[in-house]
Amino acid sequence: MERLRGSAESTVDEKGRFKVPAAFREAIESAYGGEFFVTSVTGVEILVYPLPVWTAFEEKLAALPFVHRGRAKFLERYNTYGQAVRMDGQGRLLIPALLRETSGIGSDVLVLAQADWLKVVDKGRHFAALAAAPITDEDYDDLARNL
């Protein structure tokens, strides 16, 4: 699949569904189908993984020792907020009720491409966070050293 890029606006309806923007929907459906794992680590950002992408990641986690503390904490958070969902015929995905509650997501959202998965953020909070944490010269220098 071609890497996903950019962002697109969407809305969350009264039932907690958001429409996957057409710019992302076609690429994801053709490469992965219509099943997803919707989750979060923080309870605020909504992470939307095509199920095959999530399954590959889950297999890497499963390879870690059972007693690995980071693995256990990470899976606990992903599973607390996570739910497998299927895209409906109109291209909508349901955000799990617990995640809608903890994220405080409004009706206006941005869907951000993350290479082969998506992140859904509250539009107003996202732009406020960007303004509060601008890219610094040090950030650019660090990128220059590592690219």
N, C-alpha and C. Protein backbone atom coordinates (compact mmCIF):
# COMPACT_ATOMS: atom_id res chain seq x y z
N MET A 1 0.84 -1.18 0.00
CA MET A 1 0.00 0.00 0.00
C MET A 1 0.88 1.24 0.00
N GLU A 2 0.46 2.22 -0.73
CA GLU A 2 1.14 3.51 -0.70
C GLU A 2 0.95 4.13 0.68
N ARG A 3 1.98 4.79 1.18
CA ARG A 3 1.89 5.41 2.50
C ARG A 3 0.80 6.49 2.51
N LEU A 4 0.08 6.54 3.61
CA LEU A 4 -0.92 7.58 3.79
C LEU A 4 -0.20 8.87 4.19
N ARG A 5 -0.71 9.99 3.68
CA ARG A 5 -0.10 11.29 3.99
C ARG A 5 -1.18 12.34 4.20
N GLY A 6 -0.85 13.32 5.02
CA GLY A 6 -1.72 14.47 5.18
C GLY A 6 -2.78 14.31 6.24
N SER A 7 -3.77 15.18 6.15
CA SER A 7 -4.88 15.16 7.09
C SER A 7 -6.16 15.54 6.36
N ALA A 8 -7.27 15.24 6.98
CA ALA A 8 -8.56 15.60 6.42
C ALA A 8 -9.53 15.82 7.56
N GLU A 9 -10.45 16.74 7.36
CA GLU A 9 -11.47 17.01 8.37
C GLU A 9 -12.57 15.96 8.29
N SER A 10 -13.18 15.70 9.42
CA SER A 10 -14.32 14.80 9.49
C SER A 10 -15.17 15.24 10.67
N THR A 11 -16.28 14.55 10.87
CA THR A 11 -17.14 14.83 12.00
C THR A 11 -17.49 13.53 12.71
N VAL A 12 -17.78 13.65 13.99
CA VAL A 12 -18.27 12.52 14.78
C VAL A 12 -19.76 12.74 14.98
N ASP A 13 -20.57 11.75 14.60
CA ASP A 13 -22.03 11.91 14.73
C ASP A 13 -22.49 11.58 16.14
N GLU A 14 -23.79 11.72 16.38
CA GLU A 14 -24.36 11.51 17.71
C GLU A 14 -24.21 10.07 18.22
N LYS A 15 -23.96 9.13 17.32
CA LYS A 15 -23.76 7.73 17.71
C LYS A 15 -22.28 7.40 17.93
N GLY A 16 -21.40 8.39 17.74
CA GLY A 16 -19.98 8.18 17.96
C GLY A 16 -19.23 7.64 16.77
N ARG A 17 -19.79 7.82 15.58
CA ARG A 17 -19.12 7.33 14.37
C ARG A 17 -18.47 8.50 13.64
N PHE A 18 -17.33 8.24 13.04
CA PHE A 18 -16.72 9.24 12.17
C PHE A 18 -16.54 8.63 10.80
N LYS A 19 -16.64 9.48 9.80
CA LYS A 19 -16.47 9.02 8.43
C LYS A 19 -15.00 9.08 8.06
N VAL A 20 -14.47 7.94 7.61
CA VAL A 20 -13.08 7.90 7.15
C VAL A 20 -13.01 8.73 5.87
N PRO A 21 -12.17 9.74 5.84
CA PRO A 21 -12.09 10.60 4.65
C PRO A 21 -11.76 9.78 3.39
N ALA A 22 -12.38 10.17 2.29
CA ALA A 22 -12.21 9.46 1.02
C ALA A 22 -10.74 9.34 0.63
N ALA A 23 -9.94 10.35 0.94
CA ALA A 23 -8.52 10.32 0.59
C ALA A 23 -7.80 9.13 1.22
N PHE A 24 -8.26 8.67 2.37
CA PHE A 24 -7.65 7.55 3.06
C PHE A 24 -8.42 6.25 2.85
N ARG A 25 -9.71 6.37 2.73
CA ARG A 25 -10.57 5.17 2.69
C ARG A 25 -10.21 4.23 1.56
N GLU A 26 -10.08 4.74 0.36
CA GLU A 26 -9.81 3.89 -0.80
C GLU A 26 -8.50 3.12 -0.64
N ALA A 27 -7.45 3.83 -0.23
CA ALA A 27 -6.14 3.18 -0.07
C ALA A 27 -6.18 2.11 1.01
N ILE A 28 -6.83 2.41 2.14
CA ILE A 28 -6.89 1.45 3.24
C ILE A 28 -7.75 0.24 2.87
N GLU A 29 -8.92 0.49 2.32
CA GLU A 29 -9.82 -0.63 1.97
C GLU A 29 -9.20 -1.55 0.94
N SER A 30 -8.53 -0.98 -0.07
CA SER A 30 -7.96 -1.83 -1.11
C SER A 30 -6.78 -2.65 -0.59
N ALA A 31 -6.04 -2.11 0.37
CA ALA A 31 -4.89 -2.82 0.90
C ALA A 31 -5.24 -3.75 2.06
N TYR A 32 -6.20 -3.35 2.90
CA TYR A 32 -6.43 -4.07 4.15
C TYR A 32 -7.87 -4.52 4.41
N GLY A 33 -8.82 -4.02 3.65
CA GLY A 33 -10.21 -4.39 3.92
C GLY A 33 -10.87 -3.41 4.87
N GLY A 34 -12.00 -3.81 5.45
CA GLY A 34 -12.80 -2.89 6.23
C GLY A 34 -12.87 -3.17 7.72
N GLU A 35 -11.94 -3.98 8.25
CA GLU A 35 -11.92 -4.24 9.68
C GLU A 35 -10.78 -3.48 10.33
N PHE A 36 -11.06 -2.92 11.53
CA PHE A 36 -10.11 -2.04 12.20
C PHE A 36 -10.06 -2.34 13.69
N PHE A 37 -8.97 -1.90 14.32
CA PHE A 37 -8.86 -1.89 15.76
C PHE A 37 -8.72 -0.43 16.16
N VAL A 38 -9.71 0.08 16.90
CA VAL A 38 -9.73 1.48 17.33
C VAL A 38 -9.35 1.49 18.80
N THR A 39 -8.33 2.28 19.16
CA THR A 39 -7.80 2.23 20.53
C THR A 39 -7.12 3.54 20.90
N SER A 40 -6.42 3.52 22.02
CA SER A 40 -5.66 4.67 22.51
C SER A 40 -4.64 4.17 23.53
N VAL A 41 -3.61 4.95 23.75
CA VAL A 41 -2.67 4.68 24.84
C VAL A 41 -2.99 5.62 25.99
N THR A 42 -3.38 6.84 25.66
CA THR A 42 -3.59 7.89 26.65
C THR A 42 -5.05 8.08 27.03
N GLY A 43 -5.95 7.58 26.22
CA GLY A 43 -7.37 7.85 26.43
C GLY A 43 -7.80 9.14 25.77
N VAL A 44 -6.88 9.86 25.14
CA VAL A 44 -7.21 11.13 24.50
C VAL A 44 -7.15 11.00 22.98
N GLU A 45 -5.99 10.59 22.45
CA GLU A 45 -5.87 10.42 21.01
C GLU A 45 -6.51 9.10 20.60
N ILE A 46 -7.21 9.12 19.49
CA ILE A 46 -7.89 7.93 18.99
C ILE A 46 -7.06 7.37 17.83
N LEU A 47 -6.60 6.14 18.01
CA LEU A 47 -5.73 5.49 17.03
C LEU A 47 -6.54 4.44 16.28
N VAL A 48 -6.48 4.49 14.96
CA VAL A 48 -7.29 3.63 14.11
C VAL A 48 -6.37 2.80 13.22
N TYR A 49 -6.27 1.51 13.56
CA TYR A 49 -5.39 0.60 12.82
C TYR A 49 -6.20 -0.32 11.94
N PRO A 50 -5.88 -0.42 10.64
CA PRO A 50 -6.47 -1.52 9.87
C PRO A 50 -6.10 -2.81 10.59
N LEU A 51 -7.02 -3.74 10.69
CA LEU A 51 -6.79 -4.93 11.50
C LEU A 51 -5.51 -5.68 11.13
N PRO A 52 -5.17 -5.84 9.84
CA PRO A 52 -3.90 -6.52 9.52
C PRO A 52 -2.67 -5.78 10.05
N VAL A 53 -2.71 -4.45 10.06
CA VAL A 53 -1.59 -3.66 10.60
C VAL A 53 -1.50 -3.88 12.10
N TRP A 54 -2.65 -3.84 12.77
CA TRP A 54 -2.67 -4.06 14.21
C TRP A 54 -2.19 -5.48 14.55
N THR A 55 -2.63 -6.47 13.80
CA THR A 55 -2.26 -7.86 14.06
C THR A 55 -0.75 -8.04 13.95
N ALA A 56 -0.13 -7.44 12.95
CA ALA A 56 1.33 -7.53 12.79
C ALA A 56 2.04 -6.90 13.99
N PHE A 57 1.53 -5.79 14.47
CA PHE A 57 2.10 -5.12 15.63
C PHE A 57 1.91 -5.98 16.88
N GLU A 58 0.73 -6.55 17.03
CA GLU A 58 0.41 -7.40 18.17
C GLU A 58 1.33 -8.63 18.23
N GLU A 59 1.66 -9.17 17.08
CA GLU A 59 2.56 -10.32 17.02
C GLU A 59 3.95 -9.95 17.53
N LYS A 60 4.41 -8.74 17.22
CA LYS A 60 5.70 -8.28 17.74
C LYS A 60 5.65 -8.14 19.26
N LEU A 61 4.55 -7.62 19.76
CA LEU A 61 4.39 -7.51 21.21
C LEU A 61 4.36 -8.88 21.87
N ALA A 62 3.69 -9.82 21.23
CA ALA A 62 3.57 -11.17 21.79
C ALA A 62 4.92 -11.87 21.87
N ALA A 63 5.87 -11.44 21.04
CA ALA A 63 7.19 -12.06 21.04
C ALA A 63 8.03 -11.63 22.25
N LEU A 64 7.63 -10.54 22.90
CA LEU A 64 8.33 -10.10 24.10
C LEU A 64 8.00 -11.05 25.26
N PRO A 65 8.89 -11.16 26.23
CA PRO A 65 8.60 -12.03 27.38
C PRO A 65 7.31 -11.61 28.09
N PHE A 66 6.60 -12.57 28.59
CA PHE A 66 5.34 -12.33 29.29
C PHE A 66 5.51 -11.37 30.46
N VAL A 67 6.66 -11.41 31.12
CA VAL A 67 6.90 -10.58 32.29
C VAL A 67 7.49 -9.21 31.95
N HIS A 68 7.61 -8.87 30.69
CA HIS A 68 8.13 -7.57 30.27
C HIS A 68 7.17 -6.48 30.75
N ARG A 69 7.65 -5.60 31.62
CA ARG A 69 6.77 -4.60 32.24
C ARG A 69 6.17 -3.63 31.23
N GLY A 70 6.99 -3.16 30.32
CA GLY A 70 6.48 -2.23 29.31
C GLY A 70 5.40 -2.85 28.45
N ARG A 71 5.61 -4.10 28.08
CA ARG A 71 4.62 -4.83 27.28
C ARG A 71 3.30 -4.91 28.02
N ALA A 72 3.34 -5.27 29.28
CA ALA A 72 2.12 -5.42 30.07
C ALA A 72 1.38 -4.09 30.20
N LYS A 73 2.09 -3.01 30.50
CA LYS A 73 1.46 -1.70 30.63
C LYS A 73 0.86 -1.24 29.31
N PHE A 74 1.60 -1.45 28.25
CA PHE A 74 1.15 -1.04 26.92
C PHE A 74 -0.12 -1.79 26.52
N LEU A 75 -0.09 -3.12 26.66
CA LEU A 75 -1.27 -3.91 26.29
C LEU A 75 -2.46 -3.59 27.17
N GLU A 76 -2.22 -3.31 28.43
CA GLU A 76 -3.33 -2.96 29.32
C GLU A 76 -4.04 -1.71 28.82
N ARG A 77 -3.28 -0.73 28.41
CA ARG A 77 -3.88 0.50 27.92
C ARG A 77 -4.57 0.29 26.57
N TYR A 78 -3.90 -0.37 25.65
CA TYR A 78 -4.51 -0.61 24.35
C TYR A 78 -5.79 -1.42 24.48
N ASN A 79 -5.78 -2.41 25.33
CA ASN A 79 -6.97 -3.24 25.48
C ASN A 79 -8.08 -2.56 26.28
N THR A 80 -7.72 -1.68 27.21
CA THR A 80 -8.74 -0.93 27.96
C THR A 80 -9.58 -0.09 27.01
N TYR A 81 -8.92 0.62 26.12
CA TYR A 81 -9.62 1.53 25.23
C TYR A 81 -10.01 0.91 23.90
N GLY A 82 -9.48 -0.27 23.58
CA GLY A 82 -9.61 -0.80 22.23
C GLY A 82 -10.84 -1.63 21.96
N GLN A 83 -11.20 -1.64 20.69
CA GLN A 83 -12.31 -2.45 20.22
C GLN A 83 -12.15 -2.68 18.72
N ALA A 84 -12.42 -3.91 18.31
CA ALA A 84 -12.43 -4.21 16.88
C ALA A 84 -13.74 -3.69 16.30
N VAL A 85 -13.66 -3.01 15.17
CA VAL A 85 -14.85 -2.46 14.52
C VAL A 85 -14.77 -2.72 13.02
N ARG A 86 -15.91 -2.69 12.40
CA ARG A 86 -16.01 -2.86 10.95
C ARG A 86 -16.56 -1.58 10.34
N MET A 87 -15.97 -1.16 9.23
CA MET A 87 -16.44 0.02 8.53
C MET A 87 -17.82 -0.28 7.92
N ASP A 88 -18.74 0.64 8.09
CA ASP A 88 -20.07 0.42 7.50
C ASP A 88 -20.07 0.84 6.03
N GLY A 89 -21.17 0.65 5.37
CA GLY A 89 -21.27 0.93 3.94
C GLY A 89 -21.07 2.38 3.57
N GLN A 90 -21.20 3.26 4.55
CA GLN A 90 -21.00 4.69 4.29
C GLN A 90 -19.60 5.16 4.69
N GLY A 91 -18.72 4.21 5.02
CA GLY A 91 -17.34 4.56 5.35
C GLY A 91 -17.15 5.08 6.75
N ARG A 92 -18.07 4.72 7.66
CA ARG A 92 -17.98 5.20 9.04
C ARG A 92 -17.43 4.12 9.96
N LEU A 93 -16.71 4.58 10.99
CA LEU A 93 -16.19 3.70 12.03
C LEU A 93 -16.69 4.20 13.38
N LEU A 94 -17.06 3.27 14.24
CA LEU A 94 -17.54 3.61 15.57
C LEU A 94 -16.35 3.77 16.52
N ILE A 95 -16.32 4.88 17.23
CA ILE A 95 -15.34 5.09 18.29
C ILE A 95 -15.94 4.46 19.55
N PRO A 96 -15.24 3.53 20.21
CA PRO A 96 -15.80 2.89 21.40
C PRO A 96 -16.27 3.92 22.43
N ALA A 97 -17.39 3.61 23.11
CA ALA A 97 -17.99 4.54 24.06
C ALA A 97 -17.02 5.01 25.13
N LEU A 98 -16.25 4.12 25.72
CA LEU A 98 -15.29 4.50 26.75
C LEU A 98 -14.29 5.51 26.20
N LEU A 99 -13.82 5.29 24.99
CA LEU A 99 -12.84 6.19 24.38
C LEU A 99 -13.48 7.54 24.02
N ARG A 100 -14.73 7.53 23.60
CA ARG A 100 -15.42 8.81 23.35
C ARG A 100 -15.49 9.61 24.65
N GLU A 101 -15.76 8.90 25.74
CA GLU A 101 -15.88 9.56 27.04
C GLU A 101 -14.54 10.12 27.52
N THR A 102 -13.49 9.31 27.50
CA THR A 102 -12.20 9.75 28.04
C THR A 102 -11.52 10.78 27.14
N SER A 103 -11.73 10.69 25.84
CA SER A 103 -11.06 11.61 24.91
C SER A 103 -11.73 12.98 24.90
N GLY A 104 -12.99 13.03 25.28
CA GLY A 104 -13.71 14.29 25.22
C GLY A 104 -13.82 14.83 23.80
N ILE A 105 -13.76 13.93 22.84
CA ILE A 105 -13.76 14.33 21.43
C ILE A 105 -15.06 15.07 21.10
N GLY A 106 -14.92 16.15 20.35
CA GLY A 106 -16.09 16.89 19.91
C GLY A 106 -16.57 16.37 18.57
N SER A 107 -17.43 17.12 17.95
CA SER A 107 -17.96 16.66 16.66
C SER A 107 -17.02 16.98 15.50
N ASP A 108 -16.18 18.01 15.66
CA ASP A 108 -15.24 18.38 14.59
C ASP A 108 -13.88 17.77 14.89
N VAL A 109 -13.43 16.90 13.99
CA VAL A 109 -12.17 16.20 14.19
C VAL A 109 -11.27 16.33 12.96
N LEU A 110 -10.00 16.08 13.20
CA LEU A 110 -9.04 15.93 12.12
C LEU A 110 -8.60 14.47 12.11
N VAL A 111 -8.48 13.92 10.92
CA VAL A 111 -7.97 12.57 10.75
C VAL A 111 -6.58 12.72 10.16
N LEU A 112 -5.58 12.28 10.93
CA LEU A 112 -4.18 12.47 10.55
C LEU A 112 -3.59 11.15 10.06
N ALA A 113 -2.97 11.17 8.88
CA ALA A 113 -2.32 9.98 8.34
C ALA A 113 -1.08 9.67 9.17
N GLN A 114 -0.84 8.37 9.39
CA GLN A 114 0.33 7.91 10.15
C GLN A 114 0.99 6.75 9.38
N ALA A 115 1.25 6.93 8.12
CA ALA A 115 1.85 5.94 7.21
C ALA A 115 0.89 4.83 6.83
N ASP A 116 0.50 3.94 7.78
CA ASP A 116 -0.44 2.87 7.43
C ASP A 116 -1.57 2.75 8.45
N TRP A 117 -1.77 3.79 9.25
CA TRP A 117 -2.89 3.85 10.18
C TRP A 117 -3.28 5.31 10.35
N LEU A 118 -4.33 5.57 11.11
CA LEU A 118 -4.86 6.92 11.25
C LEU A 118 -4.94 7.33 12.71
N LYS A 119 -4.84 8.62 12.96
CA LYS A 119 -5.06 9.19 14.28
C LYS A 119 -6.19 10.20 14.16
N VAL A 120 -7.17 10.12 15.07
CA VAL A 120 -8.30 11.04 15.08
C VAL A 120 -8.16 11.93 16.31
N VAL A 121 -8.16 13.24 16.09
CA VAL A 121 -7.99 14.19 17.18
C VAL A 121 -9.07 15.26 17.12
N ASP A 122 -9.41 15.78 18.28
CA ASP A 122 -10.34 16.91 18.34
C ASP A 122 -9.68 18.10 17.65
N LYS A 123 -10.36 18.69 16.70
CA LYS A 123 -9.76 19.73 15.86
C LYS A 123 -9.29 20.93 16.69
N GLY A 124 -10.14 21.45 17.55
CA GLY A 124 -9.77 22.62 18.34
C GLY A 124 -8.59 22.37 19.26
N ARG A 125 -8.63 21.25 19.99
CA ARG A 125 -7.53 20.92 20.90
C ARG A 125 -6.23 20.67 20.14
N HIS A 126 -6.34 20.07 18.95
CA HIS A 126 -5.13 19.78 18.17
C HIS A 126 -4.42 21.07 17.77
N PHE A 127 -5.17 22.05 17.25
CA PHE A 127 -4.52 23.30 16.85
C PHE A 127 -3.99 24.08 18.04
N ALA A 128 -4.66 23.99 19.18
CA ALA A 128 -4.15 24.63 20.40
C ALA A 128 -2.84 23.97 20.83
N ALA A 129 -2.76 22.66 20.74
CA ALA A 129 -1.54 21.93 21.12
C ALA A 129 -0.40 22.28 20.16
N LEU A 130 -0.68 22.40 18.87
CA LEU A 130 0.36 22.79 17.91
C LEU A 130 0.90 24.18 18.23
N ALA A 131 0.01 25.10 18.56
CA ALA A 131 0.43 26.47 18.88
C ALA A 131 1.25 26.51 20.17
N ALA A 132 0.92 25.65 21.12
CA ALA A 132 1.61 25.64 22.41
C ALA A 132 2.99 24.99 22.34
N ALA A 133 3.24 24.20 21.33
CA ALA A 133 4.52 23.48 21.21
C ALA A 133 5.09 23.64 19.80
N PRO A 134 5.55 24.85 19.47
CA PRO A 134 6.08 25.06 18.12
C PRO A 134 7.38 24.29 17.90
N ILE A 135 7.69 24.05 16.64
CA ILE A 135 8.96 23.41 16.28
C ILE A 135 10.07 24.43 16.50
N THR A 136 11.10 24.01 17.21
CA THR A 136 12.20 24.90 17.55
C THR A 136 13.40 24.66 16.64
N ASP A 137 14.37 25.56 16.73
CA ASP A 137 15.62 25.37 15.99
C ASP A 137 16.30 24.07 16.43
N GLU A 138 16.21 23.75 17.72
CA GLU A 138 16.80 22.51 18.23
C GLU A 138 16.12 21.29 17.60
N ASP A 139 14.82 21.37 17.41
CA ASP A 139 14.11 20.26 16.75
C ASP A 139 14.64 20.07 15.33
N TYR A 140 14.80 21.19 14.60
CA TYR A 140 15.32 21.10 13.24
C TYR A 140 16.76 20.55 13.23
N ASP A 141 17.57 21.02 14.16
CA ASP A 141 18.94 20.51 14.25
C ASP A 141 18.97 19.01 14.52
N ASP A 142 18.12 18.55 15.42
CA ASP A 142 18.04 17.14 15.73
C ASP A 142 17.63 16.32 14.50
N LEU A 143 16.65 16.83 13.76
CA LEU A 143 16.21 16.16 12.53
C LEU A 143 17.37 16.09 11.53
N ALA A 144 18.07 17.20 11.39
CA ALA A 144 19.18 17.26 10.43
C ALA A 144 20.26 16.23 10.77
N ARG A 145 20.53 16.03 12.04
CA ARG A 145 21.54 15.05 12.46
C ARG A 145 21.07 13.62 12.22
N ASN A 146 19.78 13.39 12.27
CA ASN A 146 19.26 12.02 12.22
C ASN A 146 18.66 11.61 10.89
N LEU A 147 18.60 12.50 9.95
CA LEU A 147 18.06 12.13 8.63
C LEU A 147 19.16 11.80 7.67
